[in-house]
Amino acid sequence: MSNQDTQPPLSLPVTDALDAFFNLSPDLFCIRDAQGYFTKINPRWTEQLGWTEGELLEQPWIEFIHPDDQQATWERETELSPVSPPLRYKNRFRCKNGGYRWLAWRISQDTTGQSYGIAQDVTEEQWRKSAVYRGGVQEAVKLRDQAIAASRVGIVIADATLPDMPLIYVNPAFERITGYSPEEVLGVNCRFLQGKKTDPADLNRLRAAIGEGRHCTVTLLNYRKDGTPFWNELTISPIYDDARNLTHFVGIQADVSDRIIADKALRLEKHRSERLLLNILPKPIAEQLKKFQGTLAQQFDDVTILFADIVNFTPISSQMQPLELVTTLNQIFSTFDRMVDKYHLEKIKTIGDAYMVAGGLPLPQADHATAIAAMALEMQEKIQTFFTPQGQPFQLRIGLHTGSVVAGVIGIKKFIYDLWGDTVNVASRMESQGEVGKIQVSITTYELLKAQYDLEERGVISIKGKGEMTTYWLKGTKSSSLE
């Protein structure tokens, strides 16, 4: 056997042994340079404080100290020198989660300005020295009672070991909220706060939680001693003894009337806003517009459009007071609006004394042409019930045409659902080039109506921008014509 085989194993170099001790120590070891940065730390820093090694090394170590402790720490650090004994002090060191831990330091410095530190976490020791512990249990109880008495929410305790769960404690806030004094309520169940309008569903939830011995939060309409109602947000929590027997319930009560009233007002306002929006835009378009910014348009290939115009409205309006004029128009157009709902059509807009309606959008409608025709006939009938200042009934010119349109909302202010396309122009010409008291329809619309309605050919007329077109007068339904 060679001498090499009989040699004892070599020991670790001193630096390796020191590194092992450095990394295995339960304390927080560190080396700091003269510029105030950590240059080396052991794993305990990450384990106890949450920071990564890189995070601790990238900024001055003093930045991690609680702001209230930084001045005192600097003052102690100025006492540090290569010939001074190890420096001892405590401060609060920031954790990654935002909290702080108390560290007891022992620091030494070498001739290069580099320092070596050992820190111990003494947070629990500092906490035990707090005011509560210095005063003992009695001080803690005193602070607890003061906190409960000062609370702005009502706190009650009920005895769960007795049949009717009587109240055994109420705090001052309960008295302020309900108007009942402790003498009036101790020894009775707190159902005296309930009334006929208290929601049975919430009461049943509360009773079920009590029966099962679990937490529960409900909002109840309760009543004060003077009979005035208030909304009570009640949270109950069970208390068990060491043998897991239910002994008490703690109730936390908060008067949330202002919040409930504000929520109801907000819901009402939202409902009003929704109704206003639906008076401006069709419901499907309004729903899309809430989720979409920019141009919102869609093509519809099969739509029937109605234009109606009050005949001689301009000379008639000159004989009426402005308020009387607007009132009369409102009555006429409101009557037409009700017809729109009756026939499931879509009012597009009014332009002065003109009224525009479409069928077949924004939702497809198989009977759009016949529905528009029925409304046109009823409009001619109802307009006879409105009279001019001279006692003569108002009269309408109405035009109908069927075709494709683009419909939607454009712009970013004062939204209006409108239609574009040649079909709109032709429908307008059917009205403007019609006759008083009559309903003129294009040949396209005629083909859709001829099976159910009585129509009379007018003949070929020249339509501005379209040339010659054959048009028809809508007279009524075929059943009515037979009568």
Protein backbone atom coordinates (compact mmCIF):
# COMPACT_ATOMS: atom_id res chain seq x y z
CA MET A 1 0.00 0.00 0.00
CA SER A 2 1.36 3.41 -0.98
CA ASN A 3 1.90 6.30 1.36
CA GLN A 4 -0.75 8.16 -0.61
CA ASP A 5 -3.35 5.57 0.34
CA THR A 6 -2.62 5.95 4.05
CA GLN A 7 -2.87 9.77 4.10
CA PRO A 8 -5.84 11.12 6.17
CA PRO A 9 -8.51 13.04 4.21
CA LEU A 10 -7.78 16.71 3.72
CA SER A 11 -9.91 19.13 5.77
CA LEU A 12 -11.98 21.93 4.20
CA PRO A 13 -10.12 25.21 3.66
CA VAL A 14 -10.80 27.79 6.32
CA THR A 15 -12.76 30.03 3.90
CA ASP A 16 -15.02 27.13 2.93
CA ALA A 17 -15.70 26.35 6.58
CA LEU A 18 -16.53 29.99 7.25
CA ASP A 19 -18.88 30.06 4.26
CA ALA A 20 -20.63 26.93 5.52
CA PHE A 21 -21.05 28.49 8.96
CA PHE A 22 -22.22 31.74 7.33
CA ASN A 23 -24.91 29.95 5.31
CA LEU A 24 -26.06 27.50 8.02
CA SER A 25 -26.41 29.98 10.88
CA PRO A 26 -29.98 30.52 12.17
CA ASP A 27 -29.20 34.24 12.51
CA LEU A 28 -29.11 36.83 9.74
CA PHE A 29 -25.45 37.30 8.69
CA CYS A 30 -24.35 40.07 6.36
CA ILE A 31 -21.30 41.95 5.06
CA ARG A 32 -21.70 45.64 4.18
CA ASP A 33 -19.31 47.83 2.20
CA ALA A 34 -18.16 51.34 3.04
CA GLN A 35 -20.74 52.82 0.64
CA GLY A 36 -23.65 51.38 2.65
CA TYR A 37 -24.60 48.40 0.49
CA PHE A 38 -24.92 44.73 1.42
CA THR A 39 -22.24 42.75 -0.38
CA LYS A 40 -23.08 39.35 1.01
CA ILE A 41 -26.01 37.89 2.96
CA ASN A 42 -26.91 34.42 4.13
CA PRO A 43 -30.16 32.61 3.15
CA ARG A 44 -31.92 33.57 6.41
CA TRP A 45 -32.64 37.05 5.00
CA THR A 46 -34.78 35.66 2.21
CA GLU A 47 -36.42 33.06 4.44
CA GLN A 48 -37.41 35.48 7.21
CA LEU A 49 -37.98 38.76 5.36
CA GLY A 50 -39.07 37.65 1.90
CA TRP A 51 -36.58 39.64 -0.17
CA THR A 52 -34.45 38.02 -2.83
CA GLU A 53 -30.68 38.39 -2.54
CA GLY A 54 -30.65 40.67 -5.59
CA GLU A 55 -33.29 42.96 -4.10
CA LEU A 56 -31.32 43.37 -0.88
CA LEU A 57 -28.02 44.05 -2.66
CA GLU A 58 -29.29 46.61 -5.16
CA GLN A 59 -30.08 49.51 -2.80
CA PRO A 60 -28.50 50.97 0.38
CA TRP A 61 -29.34 48.83 3.37
CA ILE A 62 -30.58 51.87 5.33
CA GLU A 63 -33.48 52.16 2.87
CA PHE A 64 -34.94 48.99 4.38
CA ILE A 65 -35.04 50.48 7.88
CA HIS A 66 -38.31 51.90 9.21
CA PRO A 67 -38.36 55.71 8.57
CA ASP A 68 -38.89 56.36 12.28
CA ASP A 69 -35.73 54.35 13.11
CA GLN A 70 -33.38 55.66 10.40
CA GLN A 71 -32.07 58.70 12.31
CA ALA A 72 -31.29 56.70 15.45
CA THR A 73 -29.65 53.99 13.33
CA TRP A 74 -27.38 56.51 11.62
CA GLU A 75 -26.40 58.01 14.95
CA ARG A 76 -25.42 54.60 16.30
CA GLU A 77 -23.56 53.71 13.10
CA THR A 78 -21.33 56.80 13.47
CA GLU A 79 -19.94 55.20 16.65
CA LEU A 80 -18.63 52.27 14.62
CA SER A 81 -14.82 52.08 14.00
CA PRO A 82 -12.17 49.38 13.53
CA VAL A 83 -11.02 49.82 17.13
CA SER A 84 -14.44 50.12 18.78
CA PRO A 85 -16.14 47.13 20.40
CA PRO A 86 -19.01 45.53 18.47
CA LEU A 87 -21.98 47.90 18.17
CA ARG A 88 -25.37 46.76 19.47
CA TYR A 89 -28.78 48.30 18.73
CA LYS A 90 -32.30 47.45 17.50
CA ASN A 91 -34.41 48.74 14.67
CA ARG A 92 -37.31 47.73 12.44
CA PHE A 93 -36.43 46.18 9.08
CA ARG A 94 -38.94 46.21 6.19
CA CYS A 95 -40.25 42.89 4.86
CA LYS A 96 -41.17 42.14 1.25
CA ASN A 97 -44.88 42.05 2.18
CA GLY A 98 -44.75 45.63 3.51
CA GLY A 99 -44.58 44.77 7.19
CA TYR A 100 -41.62 45.23 9.55
CA ARG A 101 -39.64 42.91 11.83
CA TRP A 102 -37.59 44.00 14.86
CA LEU A 103 -33.91 43.09 14.45
CA ALA A 104 -31.26 43.15 17.20
CA TRP A 105 -27.92 43.99 15.53
CA ARG A 106 -24.28 43.29 16.45
CA ILE A 107 -21.91 45.12 14.08
CA SER A 108 -18.08 45.23 13.73
CA GLN A 109 -15.96 47.15 11.24
CA ASP A 110 -12.54 46.50 9.71
CA THR A 111 -9.89 48.98 8.57
CA THR A 112 -11.28 49.11 5.01
CA GLY A 113 -14.63 50.43 6.18
CA GLN A 114 -16.27 47.10 5.52
CA SER A 115 -18.58 45.95 8.34
CA TYR A 116 -19.81 42.57 9.47
CA GLY A 117 -23.23 42.14 11.02
CA ILE A 118 -25.25 39.53 12.85
CA ALA A 119 -28.99 40.28 13.30
CA GLN A 120 -31.53 38.36 15.33
CA ASP A 121 -35.30 38.62 14.81
CA VAL A 122 -36.68 39.83 18.19
CA THR A 123 -40.14 40.86 16.98
CA GLU A 124 -42.00 38.61 19.40
CA GLU A 125 -39.91 39.85 22.31
CA GLN A 126 -40.68 43.48 21.42
CA TRP A 127 -44.37 42.71 21.08
CA ARG A 128 -44.48 41.11 24.52
CA LYS A 129 -43.05 44.33 25.93
CA SER A 130 -45.91 46.39 24.44
CA ALA A 131 -48.34 48.34 26.58
CA VAL A 132 -50.85 45.53 26.69
CA TYR A 133 -48.37 43.02 28.06
CA ARG A 134 -46.85 45.50 30.49
CA GLY A 135 -50.34 45.96 31.92
CA GLY A 136 -51.07 42.25 31.90
CA VAL A 137 -54.43 40.60 31.26
CA GLN A 138 -56.39 43.23 33.13
CA GLU A 139 -55.00 45.97 30.91
CA ALA A 140 -55.88 43.94 27.81
CA VAL A 141 -59.43 43.44 29.05
CA LYS A 142 -59.70 47.14 29.78
CA LEU A 143 -58.56 48.04 26.28
CA ARG A 144 -60.99 45.52 24.77
CA ASP A 145 -63.92 46.98 26.68
CA GLN A 146 -62.92 50.50 25.70
CA ALA A 147 -62.74 49.51 22.04
CA ILE A 148 -66.19 47.87 22.15
CA ALA A 149 -67.71 50.86 23.93
CA ALA A 150 -66.16 53.29 21.43
CA SER A 151 -67.25 51.31 18.39
CA ARG A 152 -69.61 53.07 15.98
CA VAL A 153 -71.35 49.78 15.15
CA GLY A 154 -73.78 48.08 17.48
CA ILE A 155 -72.39 45.03 19.26
CA VAL A 156 -74.64 42.55 21.05
CA ILE A 157 -74.01 39.19 22.70
CA ALA A 158 -76.75 36.58 23.02
CA ASP A 159 -76.68 33.51 25.27
CA ALA A 160 -77.02 30.48 22.98
CA THR A 161 -77.38 28.06 25.90
CA LEU A 162 -80.82 29.42 26.87
CA PRO A 163 -84.00 28.59 24.91
CA ASP A 164 -84.81 32.06 23.53
CA MET A 165 -81.20 33.27 23.17
CA PRO A 166 -81.62 36.41 25.33
CA LEU A 167 -79.27 39.36 25.01
CA ILE A 168 -76.69 39.57 27.76
CA TYR A 169 -74.73 42.57 26.46
CA VAL A 170 -75.28 45.59 24.21
CA ASN A 171 -72.78 48.39 23.63
CA PRO A 172 -73.55 52.15 23.56
CA ALA A 173 -73.67 52.23 19.75
CA PHE A 174 -76.58 49.77 19.82
CA GLU A 175 -78.48 52.18 22.04
CA ARG A 176 -77.70 55.09 19.70
CA ILE A 177 -78.80 53.16 16.61
CA THR A 178 -82.01 51.62 18.00
CA GLY A 179 -83.06 54.00 20.75
CA TYR A 180 -83.36 51.12 23.25
CA SER A 181 -81.46 51.27 26.55
CA PRO A 182 -79.65 48.20 27.93
CA GLU A 183 -82.25 47.95 30.73
CA GLU A 184 -85.00 47.55 28.11
CA VAL A 185 -83.37 44.82 26.04
CA LEU A 186 -81.13 42.69 28.27
CA GLY A 187 -82.75 39.34 28.92
CA VAL A 188 -84.93 39.34 25.80
CA ASN A 189 -84.47 38.15 22.24
CA CYS A 190 -83.57 40.87 19.74
CA ARG A 191 -86.54 40.11 17.49
CA PHE A 192 -88.17 43.26 18.94
CA LEU A 193 -86.34 45.14 16.16
CA GLN A 194 -88.32 43.33 13.47
CA GLY A 195 -91.57 44.54 11.89
CA LYS A 196 -94.20 43.43 9.39
CA LYS A 197 -92.12 44.68 6.46
CA THR A 198 -88.94 42.84 7.49
CA ASP A 199 -88.07 40.50 4.61
CA PRO A 200 -89.05 36.92 5.60
CA ALA A 201 -86.43 35.46 3.25
CA ASP A 202 -83.58 37.23 5.06
CA LEU A 203 -85.07 36.26 8.43
CA ASN A 204 -85.14 32.61 7.33
CA ARG A 205 -81.48 32.81 6.30
CA LEU A 206 -80.62 34.28 9.69
CA ARG A 207 -82.59 31.61 11.58
CA ALA A 208 -80.98 28.83 9.53
CA ALA A 209 -77.50 30.14 10.39
CA ILE A 210 -78.38 30.32 14.09
CA GLY A 211 -79.73 26.78 13.98
CA GLU A 212 -76.55 25.55 12.31
CA GLY A 213 -74.22 27.60 14.52
CA ARG A 214 -72.43 29.43 11.73
CA HIS A 215 -71.56 32.91 10.52
CA CYS A 216 -74.13 34.87 8.54
CA THR A 217 -74.65 38.41 7.23
CA VAL A 218 -78.08 39.77 6.32
CA THR A 219 -79.55 43.22 5.70
CA LEU A 220 -82.87 43.65 7.49
CA LEU A 221 -85.44 46.41 7.58
CA ASN A 222 -85.64 46.99 11.35
CA TYR A 223 -87.43 49.52 13.53
CA ARG A 224 -86.17 51.82 16.27
CA LYS A 225 -87.92 52.35 19.57
CA ASP A 226 -89.73 55.39 18.14
CA GLY A 227 -91.07 53.30 15.23
CA THR A 228 -88.86 54.80 12.52
CA PRO A 229 -87.38 52.24 10.12
CA PHE A 230 -83.69 51.72 9.40
CA TRP A 231 -81.69 49.24 7.36
CA ASN A 232 -79.63 47.04 9.63
CA GLU A 233 -76.66 45.12 8.23
CA LEU A 234 -76.33 42.34 10.79
CA THR A 235 -73.44 39.88 11.01
CA ILE A 236 -73.66 37.07 13.55
CA SER A 237 -70.72 34.92 14.65
CA PRO A 238 -70.88 31.83 16.88
CA ILE A 239 -68.71 31.30 19.96
CA TYR A 240 -67.78 27.76 21.03
CA ASP A 241 -66.19 26.54 24.25
CA ASP A 242 -63.20 24.18 24.43
CA ALA A 243 -65.55 21.19 24.13
CA ARG A 244 -66.97 22.62 20.86
CA ASN A 245 -70.29 23.48 22.49
CA LEU A 246 -72.06 26.56 21.13
CA THR A 247 -72.30 29.07 23.98
CA HIS A 248 -72.96 32.52 22.51
CA PHE A 249 -73.60 34.53 19.38
CA VAL A 250 -72.00 37.91 18.79
CA GLY A 251 -73.95 40.28 16.57
CA ILE A 252 -72.46 43.27 14.77
CA GLN A 253 -75.09 45.78 13.65
CA ALA A 254 -74.58 48.75 11.34
CA ASP A 255 -77.15 51.30 10.23
CA VAL A 256 -76.71 51.24 6.44
CA SER A 257 -79.85 53.23 5.61
CA ASP A 258 -77.92 55.93 3.75
CA ARG A 259 -76.19 53.31 1.60
CA ILE A 260 -79.45 51.49 0.82
CA ILE A 261 -81.21 54.75 -0.05
CA ALA A 262 -78.29 55.78 -2.26
CA ASP A 263 -78.28 52.36 -3.97
CA LYS A 264 -82.02 52.59 -4.63
CA ALA A 265 -81.63 56.11 -6.00
CA LEU A 266 -78.77 54.91 -8.22
CA ARG A 267 -80.86 52.00 -9.53
CA LEU A 268 -83.79 54.33 -10.17
CA GLU A 269 -81.57 56.78 -11.99
CA LYS A 270 -80.07 53.95 -14.03
CA HIS A 271 -83.57 52.75 -14.92
CA ARG A 272 -84.54 56.27 -15.99
CA SER A 273 -81.38 56.56 -18.07
CA GLU A 274 -82.11 53.20 -19.71
CA ARG A 275 -85.65 54.30 -20.54
CA LEU A 276 -84.36 57.59 -21.95
CA LEU A 277 -81.79 55.75 -24.06
CA LEU A 278 -84.48 53.37 -25.38
CA ASN A 279 -86.61 56.37 -26.32
CA ILE A 280 -83.73 57.54 -28.48
CA LEU A 281 -82.39 54.27 -29.90
CA PRO A 282 -83.79 50.79 -30.60
CA LYS A 283 -83.02 48.37 -27.78
CA PRO A 284 -80.61 46.12 -29.79
CA ILE A 285 -78.70 49.21 -30.95
CA ALA A 286 -78.59 50.68 -27.44
CA GLU A 287 -77.14 47.41 -26.10
CA GLN A 288 -74.50 47.33 -28.84
CA LEU A 289 -73.63 50.98 -28.34
CA LYS A 290 -72.83 50.38 -24.64
CA LYS A 291 -70.11 47.94 -25.68
CA PHE A 292 -68.88 49.61 -28.87
CA GLN A 293 -67.17 52.89 -29.73
CA GLY A 294 -67.24 54.40 -33.19
CA THR A 295 -69.49 53.85 -36.21
CA LEU A 296 -72.28 51.34 -35.64
CA ALA A 297 -74.03 50.51 -38.93
CA GLN A 298 -75.63 47.47 -40.53
CA GLN A 299 -77.17 46.71 -43.91
CA PHE A 300 -80.76 45.43 -44.14
CA ASP A 301 -81.86 44.02 -47.48
CA ASP A 302 -85.63 43.95 -46.95
CA VAL A 303 -87.14 47.01 -45.27
CA THR A 304 -90.29 49.05 -45.86
CA ILE A 305 -90.15 52.77 -45.15
CA LEU A 306 -93.04 55.18 -44.53
CA PHE A 307 -92.88 58.96 -44.87
CA ALA A 308 -95.85 61.05 -43.77
CA ASP A 309 -96.22 64.83 -44.06
CA ILE A 310 -98.94 67.15 -42.74
CA VAL A 311 -100.43 68.99 -45.74
CA ASN A 312 -100.23 72.83 -45.74
CA PHE A 313 -98.64 72.80 -42.31
CA THR A 314 -96.59 75.98 -42.88
CA PRO A 315 -99.59 78.31 -43.56
CA ILE A 316 -101.57 76.59 -40.81
CA SER A 317 -98.73 77.08 -38.29
CA SER A 318 -98.63 80.82 -39.00
CA GLN A 319 -102.16 81.06 -37.60
CA MET A 320 -101.27 79.34 -34.30
CA GLN A 321 -99.36 80.41 -31.20
CA PRO A 322 -95.97 78.61 -30.91
CA LEU A 323 -96.98 76.71 -27.76
CA GLU A 324 -100.32 75.70 -29.29
CA LEU A 325 -98.52 74.55 -32.44
CA VAL A 326 -96.06 72.37 -30.53
CA THR A 327 -98.84 70.95 -28.34
CA THR A 328 -100.87 69.96 -31.41
CA LEU A 329 -97.86 68.35 -33.11
CA ASN A 330 -97.07 66.46 -29.91
CA GLN A 331 -100.62 65.08 -29.75
CA ILE A 332 -100.52 63.97 -33.38
CA PHE A 333 -97.08 62.39 -33.22
CA SER A 334 -97.79 60.73 -29.87
CA THR A 335 -100.78 59.05 -31.53
CA PHE A 336 -98.47 57.84 -34.30
CA ASP A 337 -95.92 56.64 -31.72
CA ARG A 338 -98.52 54.39 -30.13
CA MET A 339 -99.23 52.90 -33.56
CA VAL A 340 -95.51 52.15 -33.97
CA ASP A 341 -95.65 50.03 -30.81
CA LYS A 342 -98.93 48.43 -31.89
CA TYR A 343 -97.52 47.22 -35.22
CA HIS A 344 -94.01 46.43 -33.86
CA LEU A 345 -92.32 48.94 -36.12
CA GLU A 346 -89.41 51.34 -35.56
CA LYS A 347 -89.88 55.09 -35.46
CA ILE A 348 -86.85 56.70 -37.08
CA LYS A 349 -87.41 60.44 -36.58
CA THR A 350 -89.60 63.49 -37.05
CA ILE A 351 -88.44 66.35 -39.26
CA GLY A 352 -90.59 69.38 -38.59
CA ASP A 353 -94.07 68.16 -39.50
CA ALA A 354 -92.81 64.99 -41.26
CA TYR A 355 -92.86 61.55 -39.66
CA MET A 356 -90.64 58.60 -40.67
CA VAL A 357 -91.17 54.92 -39.75
CA ALA A 358 -89.47 51.68 -40.86
CA GLY A 359 -90.43 48.02 -40.69
CA GLY A 360 -87.97 45.12 -40.76
CA LEU A 361 -85.21 46.62 -38.63
CA PRO A 362 -83.23 46.55 -36.41
CA LEU A 363 -84.70 43.07 -36.00
CA PRO A 364 -85.92 41.25 -39.15
CA GLN A 365 -89.71 41.21 -39.56
CA ALA A 366 -91.41 39.00 -42.13
CA ASP A 367 -94.57 41.15 -42.35
CA HIS A 368 -92.80 44.52 -42.45
CA ALA A 369 -94.65 45.70 -45.59
CA THR A 370 -98.15 44.73 -44.39
CA ALA A 371 -97.47 46.17 -40.93
CA ILE A 372 -96.39 49.49 -42.46
CA ALA A 373 -99.48 49.47 -44.71
CA ALA A 374 -101.77 48.87 -41.71
CA MET A 375 -100.20 51.78 -39.86
CA ALA A 376 -100.47 54.06 -42.90
CA LEU A 377 -104.19 53.37 -43.19
CA GLU A 378 -104.73 53.99 -39.48
CA MET A 379 -102.73 57.23 -39.66
CA GLN A 380 -105.05 58.54 -42.37
CA GLU A 381 -108.00 57.63 -40.19
CA LYS A 382 -106.68 59.16 -36.94
CA ILE A 383 -105.50 62.44 -38.52
CA GLN A 384 -109.18 63.23 -39.13
CA THR A 385 -109.62 63.68 -35.37
CA PHE A 386 -107.24 66.67 -35.22
CA PHE A 387 -108.43 70.09 -36.39
CA THR A 388 -106.89 73.33 -37.64
CA PRO A 389 -107.78 76.73 -36.11
CA GLN A 390 -110.41 77.06 -38.87
CA GLY A 391 -112.07 73.83 -37.72
CA GLN A 392 -110.90 71.76 -40.67
CA PRO A 393 -109.30 68.30 -40.06
CA PHE A 394 -105.60 67.99 -40.68
CA GLN A 395 -104.60 65.95 -43.74
CA LEU A 396 -101.63 63.73 -44.56
CA ARG A 397 -99.63 62.73 -47.60
CA ILE A 398 -98.03 59.31 -47.12
CA GLY A 399 -95.50 57.42 -49.24
CA LEU A 400 -94.20 53.82 -48.95
CA HIS A 401 -91.28 52.04 -50.58
CA THR A 402 -89.44 48.75 -49.95
CA GLY A 403 -85.77 47.95 -50.47
CA SER A 404 -82.38 47.77 -48.84
CA VAL A 405 -80.92 50.36 -46.47
CA VAL A 406 -77.97 50.92 -44.20
CA ALA A 407 -79.09 51.71 -40.65
CA GLY A 408 -77.11 52.73 -37.62
CA VAL A 409 -75.59 55.40 -35.42
CA ILE A 410 -72.75 57.67 -36.47
CA GLY A 411 -70.81 60.39 -34.69
CA ILE A 412 -70.00 60.76 -31.01
CA LYS A 413 -72.67 63.22 -29.78
CA LYS A 414 -76.48 63.45 -29.77
CA PHE A 415 -76.95 59.93 -31.13
CA ILE A 416 -79.76 59.24 -33.58
CA TYR A 417 -80.63 55.98 -35.26
CA ASP A 418 -80.94 56.83 -38.95
CA LEU A 419 -81.24 55.22 -42.40
CA TRP A 420 -79.27 55.78 -45.59
CA GLY A 421 -79.65 54.57 -49.14
CA ASP A 422 -81.69 54.93 -52.32
CA THR A 423 -84.68 53.26 -50.67
CA VAL A 424 -84.97 56.21 -48.29
CA ASN A 425 -84.92 58.67 -51.19
CA VAL A 426 -87.61 56.81 -53.14
CA ALA A 427 -89.87 56.52 -50.08
CA SER A 428 -89.52 60.27 -49.56
CA ARG A 429 -90.46 60.89 -53.23
CA MET A 430 -93.51 58.63 -52.83
CA GLU A 431 -94.72 61.02 -50.15
CA SER A 432 -93.70 64.35 -51.67
CA GLN A 433 -95.10 63.49 -55.14
CA GLY A 434 -98.27 61.95 -53.74
CA GLU A 435 -101.67 63.52 -53.25
CA VAL A 436 -103.52 64.92 -50.24
CA GLY A 437 -105.20 62.27 -48.12
CA LYS A 438 -103.70 59.39 -50.10
CA ILE A 439 -101.05 56.71 -49.61
CA GLN A 440 -98.74 56.25 -52.60
CA VAL A 441 -96.65 53.06 -52.87
CA SER A 442 -93.92 51.95 -55.25
CA ILE A 443 -94.27 48.89 -57.44
CA THR A 444 -91.84 47.03 -55.14
CA THR A 445 -94.12 47.57 -52.15
CA TYR A 446 -97.20 46.88 -54.31
CA GLU A 447 -95.94 43.35 -55.02
CA LEU A 448 -95.72 42.66 -51.27
CA LEU A 449 -99.18 44.07 -50.50
CA LYS A 450 -101.37 43.04 -53.41
CA ALA A 451 -102.42 39.71 -51.87
CA GLN A 452 -103.92 41.34 -48.75
CA TYR A 453 -104.63 44.94 -49.69
CA ASP A 454 -106.75 46.77 -52.22
CA LEU A 455 -104.49 48.90 -54.43
CA GLU A 456 -105.29 51.11 -57.41
CA GLU A 457 -102.77 51.80 -60.14
CA ARG A 458 -101.96 55.50 -60.45
CA GLY A 459 -99.87 55.04 -63.55
CA VAL A 460 -96.43 56.11 -64.60
CA ILE A 461 -95.05 59.26 -63.00
CA SER A 462 -91.68 60.96 -63.18
CA ILE A 463 -89.77 60.60 -59.95
CA LYS A 464 -87.03 63.14 -59.36
CA GLY A 465 -83.65 61.45 -59.61
CA LYS A 466 -85.19 58.08 -60.66
CA GLY A 467 -87.03 58.75 -63.89
CA GLU A 468 -90.40 57.21 -64.71
CA MET A 469 -91.95 54.79 -62.21
CA THR A 470 -95.29 53.01 -61.94
CA THR A 471 -96.95 53.73 -58.60
CA TYR A 472 -100.14 52.72 -56.81
CA TRP A 473 -102.64 54.09 -54.28
CA LEU A 474 -103.20 52.02 -51.17
CA LYS A 475 -106.96 52.02 -50.59
CA GLY A 476 -107.50 49.51 -47.76
CA THR A 477 -107.53 45.81 -46.94
CA LYS A 478 -109.25 43.46 -49.34
CA SER A 479 -111.75 42.42 -46.67
CA SER A 480 -112.76 46.07 -46.11
CA SER A 481 -113.09 46.70 -49.85
CA LEU A 482 -115.58 43.81 -50.14
CA GLU A 483 -117.73 45.35 -47.43
